[in-house]
Amino acid sequence: MYLIVNGHRYDNLEDDMTMSELLDYLKLPAKKIAIERNREIISKSTYNTVRLNDGDIMEIIHFIGGG
């Protein structure tokens, strides 16, 4: 399967991948991000159960602290 993540295409990903598995693949911490899939915000509580589909368009936002 392929996904578009923040404008970049990722090919040859495993079929039936969960949101959590995608974050592991991209080496991103689930605690400091927000994810939009096909223009819909995905709740952190569903990252382990939401299955991705071929051609999904993802936007992943990183939160940065500071002061």
PDB file of N, CA and C in Angstrom:
ATOM      1  N   MET A   1       0.838  -1.167   0.000  1.00  0.00           N
ATOM      2  CA  MET A   1       0.000   0.000   0.000  1.00  0.00           C
ATOM      3  C   MET A   1       0.887   1.235   0.000  1.00  0.00           C
ATOM      4  N   TYR A   2       0.314   2.360  -0.395  1.00  0.00           N
ATOM      5  CA  TYR A   2       1.040   3.627  -0.331  1.00  0.00           C
ATOM      6  C   TYR A   2       0.219   4.651   0.431  1.00  0.00           C
ATOM      7  N   LEU A   3       0.927   5.601   1.061  1.00  0.00           N
ATOM      8  CA  LEU A   3       0.300   6.711   1.771  1.00  0.00           C
ATOM      9  C   LEU A   3       1.007   7.997   1.382  1.00  0.00           C
ATOM     10  N   ILE A   4       0.299   9.101   1.481  1.00  0.00           N
ATOM     11  CA  ILE A   4       0.900  10.420   1.348  1.00  0.00           C
ATOM     12  C   ILE A   4       0.940  11.005   2.756  1.00  0.00           C
ATOM     13  N   VAL A   5       2.135  11.310   3.252  1.00  0.00           N
ATOM     14  CA  VAL A   5       2.306  11.854   4.597  1.00  0.00           C
ATOM     15  C   VAL A   5       3.013  13.195   4.479  1.00  0.00           C
ATOM     16  N   ASN A   6       2.325  14.248   4.854  1.00  0.00           N
ATOM     17  CA  ASN A   6       2.857  15.618   4.770  1.00  0.00           C
ATOM     18  C   ASN A   6       3.432  15.909   3.390  1.00  0.00           C
ATOM     19  N   GLY A   7       2.718  15.462   2.369  1.00  0.00           N
ATOM     20  CA  GLY A   7       3.107  15.741   0.991  1.00  0.00           C
ATOM     21  C   GLY A   7       4.131  14.791   0.394  1.00  0.00           C
ATOM     22  N   HIS A   8       4.622  13.821   1.166  1.00  0.00           N
ATOM     23  CA  HIS A   8       5.605  12.856   0.672  1.00  0.00           C
ATOM     24  C   HIS A   8       4.939  11.494   0.517  1.00  0.00           C
ATOM     25  N   ARG A   9       5.239  10.834  -0.593  1.00  0.00           N
ATOM     26  CA  ARG A   9       4.657   9.517  -0.854  1.00  0.00           C
ATOM     27  C   ARG A   9       5.525   8.424  -0.239  1.00  0.00           C
ATOM     28  N   TYR A  10       4.891   7.513   0.485  1.00  0.00           N
ATOM     29  CA  TYR A  10       5.555   6.341   1.065  1.00  0.00           C
ATOM     30  C   TYR A  10       4.954   5.109   0.395  1.00  0.00           C
ATOM     31  N   ASP A  11       5.780   4.397  -0.365  1.00  0.00           N
ATOM     32  CA  ASP A  11       5.335   3.214  -1.100  1.00  0.00           C
ATOM     33  C   ASP A  11       5.704   1.936  -0.353  1.00  0.00           C
ATOM     34  N   ASN A  12       5.083   0.846  -0.769  1.00  0.00           N
ATOM     35  CA  ASN A  12       5.398  -0.499  -0.270  1.00  0.00           C
ATOM     36  C   ASN A  12       5.236  -0.644   1.233  1.00  0.00           C
ATOM     37  N   LEU A  13       4.253   0.028   1.802  1.00  0.00           N
ATOM     38  CA  LEU A  13       3.948  -0.149   3.220  1.00  0.00           C
ATOM     39  C   LEU A  13       3.089  -1.404   3.385  1.00  0.00           C
ATOM     40  N   GLU A  14       3.125  -1.963   4.583  1.00  0.00           N
ATOM     41  CA  GLU A  14       2.335  -3.168   4.853  1.00  0.00           C
ATOM     42  C   GLU A  14       0.846  -2.867   4.734  1.00  0.00           C
ATOM     43  N   ASP A  15       0.115  -3.808   4.169  1.00  0.00           N
ATOM     44  CA  ASP A  15      -1.346  -3.681   4.125  1.00  0.00           C
ATOM     45  C   ASP A  15      -1.898  -3.812   5.534  1.00  0.00           C
ATOM     46  N   ASP A  16      -3.023  -3.185   5.787  1.00  0.00           N
ATOM     47  CA  ASP A  16      -3.719  -3.292   7.062  1.00  0.00           C
ATOM     48  C   ASP A  16      -2.919  -2.693   8.222  1.00  0.00           C
ATOM     49  N   MET A  17      -2.109  -1.694   7.936  1.00  0.00           N
ATOM     50  CA  MET A  17      -1.295  -1.023   8.955  1.00  0.00           C
ATOM     51  C   MET A  17      -2.175  -0.130   9.817  1.00  0.00           C
ATOM     52  N   THR A  18      -1.886  -0.100  11.127  1.00  0.00           N
ATOM     53  CA  THR A  18      -2.616   0.799  12.031  1.00  0.00           C
ATOM     54  C   THR A  18      -1.890   2.146  12.103  1.00  0.00           C
ATOM     55  N   MET A  19      -2.571   3.106  12.664  1.00  0.00           N
ATOM     56  CA  MET A  19      -1.975   4.425  12.859  1.00  0.00           C
ATOM     57  C   MET A  19      -0.731   4.306  13.748  1.00  0.00           C
ATOM     58  N   SER A  20      -0.803   3.511  14.808  1.00  0.00           N
ATOM     59  CA  SER A  20       0.342   3.310  15.706  1.00  0.00           C
ATOM     60  C   SER A  20       1.527   2.696  14.967  1.00  0.00           C
ATOM     61  N   GLU A  21       1.256   1.744  14.101  1.00  0.00           N
ATOM     62  CA  GLU A  21       2.334   1.112  13.323  1.00  0.00           C
ATOM     63  C   GLU A  21       2.982   2.114  12.372  1.00  0.00           C
ATOM     64  N   LEU A  22       2.179   3.006  11.810  1.00  0.00           N
ATOM     65  CA  LEU A  22       2.738   4.056  10.949  1.00  0.00           C
ATOM     66  C   LEU A  22       3.659   4.967  11.754  1.00  0.00           C
ATOM     67  N   LEU A  23       3.237   5.357  12.949  1.00  0.00           N
ATOM     68  CA  LEU A  23       4.073   6.214  13.791  1.00  0.00           C
ATOM     69  C   LEU A  23       5.380   5.518  14.147  1.00  0.00           C
ATOM     70  N   ASP A  24       5.329   4.217  14.442  1.00  0.00           N
ATOM     71  CA  ASP A  24       6.553   3.459  14.711  1.00  0.00           C
ATOM     72  C   ASP A  24       7.452   3.449  13.481  1.00  0.00           C
ATOM     73  N   TYR A  25       6.866   3.213  12.310  1.00  0.00           N
ATOM     74  CA  TYR A  25       7.619   3.192  11.056  1.00  0.00           C
ATOM     75  C   TYR A  25       8.315   4.534  10.806  1.00  0.00           C
ATOM     76  N   LEU A  26       7.613   5.627  11.094  1.00  0.00           N
ATOM     77  CA  LEU A  26       8.162   6.969  10.879  1.00  0.00           C
ATOM     78  C   LEU A  26       9.009   7.451  12.064  1.00  0.00           C
ATOM     79  N   LYS A  27       9.060   6.631  13.134  1.00  0.00           N
ATOM     80  CA  LYS A  27       9.819   6.966  14.344  1.00  0.00           C
ATOM     81  C   LYS A  27       9.344   8.281  14.970  1.00  0.00           C
ATOM     82  N   LEU A  28       8.014   8.396  15.108  1.00  0.00           N
ATOM     83  CA  LEU A  28       7.403   9.587  15.698  1.00  0.00           C
ATOM     84  C   LEU A  28       6.731   9.221  17.018  1.00  0.00           C
ATOM     85  N   PRO A  29       6.877  10.084  18.028  1.00  0.00           N
ATOM     86  CA  PRO A  29       6.220   9.839  19.319  1.00  0.00           C
ATOM     87  C   PRO A  29       4.733  10.201  19.253  1.00  0.00           C
ATOM     88  N   ALA A  30       3.875   9.299  19.679  1.00  0.00           N
ATOM     89  CA  ALA A  30       2.435   9.543  19.609  1.00  0.00           C
ATOM     90  C   ALA A  30       1.978  10.658  20.542  1.00  0.00           C
ATOM     91  N   LYS A  31       2.722  10.922  21.597  1.00  0.00           N
ATOM     92  CA  LYS A  31       2.291  11.901  22.590  1.00  0.00           C
ATOM     93  C   LYS A  31       2.362  13.347  22.115  1.00  0.00           C
ATOM     94  N   LYS A  32       3.264  13.668  21.215  1.00  0.00           N
ATOM     95  CA  LYS A  32       3.484  15.071  20.847  1.00  0.00           C
ATOM     96  C   LYS A  32       3.062  15.403  19.422  1.00  0.00           C
ATOM     97  N   ILE A  33       2.049  14.697  18.920  1.00  0.00           N
ATOM     98  CA  ILE A  33       1.604  14.952  17.553  1.00  0.00           C
ATOM     99  C   ILE A  33       0.078  14.955  17.469  1.00  0.00           C
ATOM    100  N   ALA A  34      -0.404  15.480  16.369  1.00  0.00           N
ATOM    101  CA  ALA A  34      -1.809  15.379  15.989  1.00  0.00           C
ATOM    102  C   ALA A  34      -1.833  14.853  14.558  1.00  0.00           C
ATOM    103  N   ILE A  35      -2.821  14.024  14.248  1.00  0.00           N
ATOM    104  CA  ILE A  35      -2.883  13.405  12.923  1.00  0.00           C
ATOM    105  C   ILE A  35      -4.230  13.687  12.275  1.00  0.00           C
ATOM    106  N   GLU A  36      -4.150  14.066  11.002  1.00  0.00           N
ATOM    107  CA  GLU A  36      -5.335  14.243  10.179  1.00  0.00           C
ATOM    108  C   GLU A  36      -5.244  13.228   9.047  1.00  0.00           C
ATOM    109  N   ARG A  37      -6.304  12.457   8.851  1.00  0.00           N
ATOM    110  CA  ARG A  37      -6.352  11.498   7.741  1.00  0.00           C
ATOM    111  C   ARG A  37      -7.517  11.870   6.849  1.00  0.00           C
ATOM    112  N   ASN A  38      -7.208  12.141   5.609  1.00  0.00           N
ATOM    113  CA  ASN A  38      -8.242  12.511   4.633  1.00  0.00           C
ATOM    114  C   ASN A  38      -9.146  13.620   5.170  1.00  0.00           C
ATOM    115  N   ARG A  39      -8.497  14.637   5.758  1.00  0.00           N
ATOM    116  CA  ARG A  39      -9.145  15.838   6.271  1.00  0.00           C
ATOM    117  C   ARG A  39      -9.995  15.611   7.523  1.00  0.00           C
ATOM    118  N   GLU A  40      -9.737  14.516   8.238  1.00  0.00           N
ATOM    119  CA  GLU A  40     -10.455  14.216   9.481  1.00  0.00           C
ATOM    120  C   GLU A  40      -9.437  13.962  10.592  1.00  0.00           C
ATOM    121  N   ILE A  41      -9.588  14.665  11.718  1.00  0.00           N
ATOM    122  CA  ILE A  41      -8.686  14.486  12.855  1.00  0.00           C
ATOM    123  C   ILE A  41      -8.923  13.104  13.471  1.00  0.00           C
ATOM    124  N   ILE A  42      -7.831  12.408  13.763  1.00  0.00           N
ATOM    125  CA  ILE A  42      -7.901  11.084  14.367  1.00  0.00           C
ATOM    126  C   ILE A  42      -7.599  11.200  15.859  1.00  0.00           C
ATOM    127  N   SER A  43      -8.461  10.663  16.686  1.00  0.00           N
ATOM    128  CA  SER A  43      -8.285  10.700  18.135  1.00  0.00           C
ATOM    129  C   SER A  43      -7.127   9.795  18.555  1.00  0.00           C
ATOM    130  N   LYS A  44      -6.286  10.290  19.468  1.00  0.00           N
ATOM    131  CA  LYS A  44      -5.159   9.500  19.962  1.00  0.00           C
ATOM    132  C   LYS A  44      -5.607   8.159  20.531  1.00  0.00           C
ATOM    133  N   SER A  45      -6.775   8.113  21.122  1.00  0.00           N
ATOM    134  CA  SER A  45      -7.260   6.874  21.743  1.00  0.00           C
ATOM    135  C   SER A  45      -7.548   5.774  20.722  1.00  0.00           C
ATOM    136  N   THR A  46      -7.583   6.129  19.429  1.00  0.00           N
ATOM    137  CA  THR A  46      -7.876   5.128  18.393  1.00  0.00           C
ATOM    138  C   THR A  46      -6.661   4.763  17.546  1.00  0.00           C
ATOM    139  N   TYR A  47      -5.491   5.290  17.863  1.00  0.00           N
ATOM    140  CA  TYR A  47      -4.295   5.018  17.054  1.00  0.00           C
ATOM    141  C   TYR A  47      -4.012   3.523  16.911  1.00  0.00           C
ATOM    142  N   ASN A  48      -4.337   2.724  17.926  1.00  0.00           N
ATOM    143  CA  ASN A  48      -4.071   1.283  17.859  1.00  0.00           C
ATOM    144  C   ASN A  48      -5.105   0.512  17.054  1.00  0.00           C
ATOM    145  N   THR A  49      -6.244   1.117  16.793  1.00  0.00           N
ATOM    146  CA  THR A  49      -7.318   0.392  16.102  1.00  0.00           C
ATOM    147  C   THR A  49      -7.632   0.930  14.708  1.00  0.00           C
ATOM    148  N   VAL A  50      -7.305   2.177  14.425  1.00  0.00           N
ATOM    149  CA  VAL A  50      -7.600   2.755  13.108  1.00  0.00           C
ATOM    150  C   VAL A  50      -6.684   2.125  12.067  1.00  0.00           C
ATOM    151  N   ARG A  51      -7.290   1.511  11.063  1.00  0.00           N
ATOM    152  CA  ARG A  51      -6.547   0.876   9.967  1.00  0.00           C
ATOM    153  C   ARG A  51      -6.435   1.856   8.801  1.00  0.00           C
ATOM    154  N   LEU A  52      -5.246   1.930   8.225  1.00  0.00           N
ATOM    155  CA  LEU A  52      -5.013   2.831   7.104  1.00  0.00           C
ATOM    156  C   LEU A  52      -5.369   2.142   5.798  1.00  0.00           C
ATOM    157  N   ASN A  53      -5.751   2.932   4.818  1.00  0.00           N
ATOM    158  CA  ASN A  53      -6.141   2.420   3.508  1.00  0.00           C
ATOM    159  C   ASN A  53      -5.184   2.924   2.437  1.00  0.00           C
ATOM    160  N   ASP A  54      -5.033   2.142   1.393  1.00  0.00           N
ATOM    161  CA  ASP A  54      -4.192   2.514   0.273  1.00  0.00           C
ATOM    162  C   ASP A  54      -4.596   3.887  -0.251  1.00  0.00           C
ATOM    163  N   GLY A  55      -3.628   4.800  -0.334  1.00  0.00           N
ATOM    164  CA  GLY A  55      -3.879   6.127  -0.874  1.00  0.00           C
ATOM    165  C   GLY A  55      -4.337   7.158   0.137  1.00  0.00           C
ATOM    166  N   ASP A  56      -4.427   6.789   1.420  1.00  0.00           N
ATOM    167  CA  ASP A  56      -4.802   7.780   2.428  1.00  0.00           C
ATOM    168  C   ASP A  56      -3.828   8.949   2.402  1.00  0.00           C
ATOM    169  N   ILE A  57      -4.358  10.130   2.671  1.00  0.00           N
ATOM    170  CA  ILE A  57      -3.542  11.344   2.738  1.00  0.00           C
ATOM    171  C   ILE A  57      -3.487  11.784   4.194  1.00  0.00           C
ATOM    172  N   MET A  58      -2.283  11.804   4.737  1.00  0.00           N
ATOM    173  CA  MET A  58      -2.075  12.089   6.145  1.00  0.00           C
ATOM    174  C   MET A  58      -1.334  13.410   6.311  1.00  0.00           C
ATOM    175  N   GLU A  59      -1.718  14.137   7.340  1.00  0.00           N
ATOM    176  CA  GLU A  59      -0.969  15.308   7.788  1.00  0.00           C
ATOM    177  C   GLU A  59      -0.643  15.060   9.247  1.00  0.00           C
ATOM    178  N   ILE A  60       0.635  15.131   9.590  1.00  0.00           N
ATOM    179  CA  ILE A  60       1.072  14.902  10.961  1.00  0.00           C
ATOM    180  C   ILE A  60       1.728  16.180  11.455  1.00  0.00           C
ATOM    181  N   ILE A  61       1.192  16.702  12.558  1.00  0.00           N
ATOM    182  CA  ILE A  61       1.659  17.949  13.136  1.00  0.00           C
ATOM    183  C   ILE A  61       2.413  17.641  14.420  1.00  0.00           C
ATOM    184  N   HIS A  62       3.619  18.200  14.562  1.00  0.00           N
ATOM    185  CA  HIS A  62       4.429  18.030  15.765  1.00  0.00           C
ATOM    186  C   HIS A  62       4.230  19.230  16.676  1.00  0.00           C
ATOM    187  N   PHE A  63       4.012  18.962  17.955  1.00  0.00           N
ATOM    188  CA  PHE A  63       3.915  20.038  18.932  1.00  0.00           C
ATOM    189  C   PHE A  63       5.310  20.323  19.482  1.00  0.00           C
ATOM    190  N   ILE A  64       5.658  21.580  19.560  1.00  0.00           N
ATOM    191  CA  ILE A  64       6.964  21.994  20.072  1.00  0.00           C
ATOM    192  C   ILE A  64       6.739  22.946  21.237  1.00  0.00           C
ATOM    193  N   GLY A  65       7.327  22.615  22.371  1.00  0.00           N
ATOM    194  CA  GLY A  65       7.200  23.483  23.542  1.00  0.00           C
ATOM    195  C   GLY A  65       8.273  24.552  23.547  1.00  0.00           C
ATOM    196  N   GLY A  66       8.064  25.524  24.322  1.00  0.00           N
ATOM    197  CA  GLY A  66       9.045  26.606  24.436  1.00  0.00           C
ATOM    198  C   GLY A  66       8.469  27.728  25.269  1.00  0.00           C
ATOM    199  N   GLY A  67       9.294  28.716  25.452  1.00  0.00           N
ATOM    200  CA  GLY A  67       8.787  29.803  26.258  1.00  0.00           C
ATOM    201  C   GLY A  67       9.599  31.046  26.114  1.00  0.00           C
TER     202      GLY A  67
END
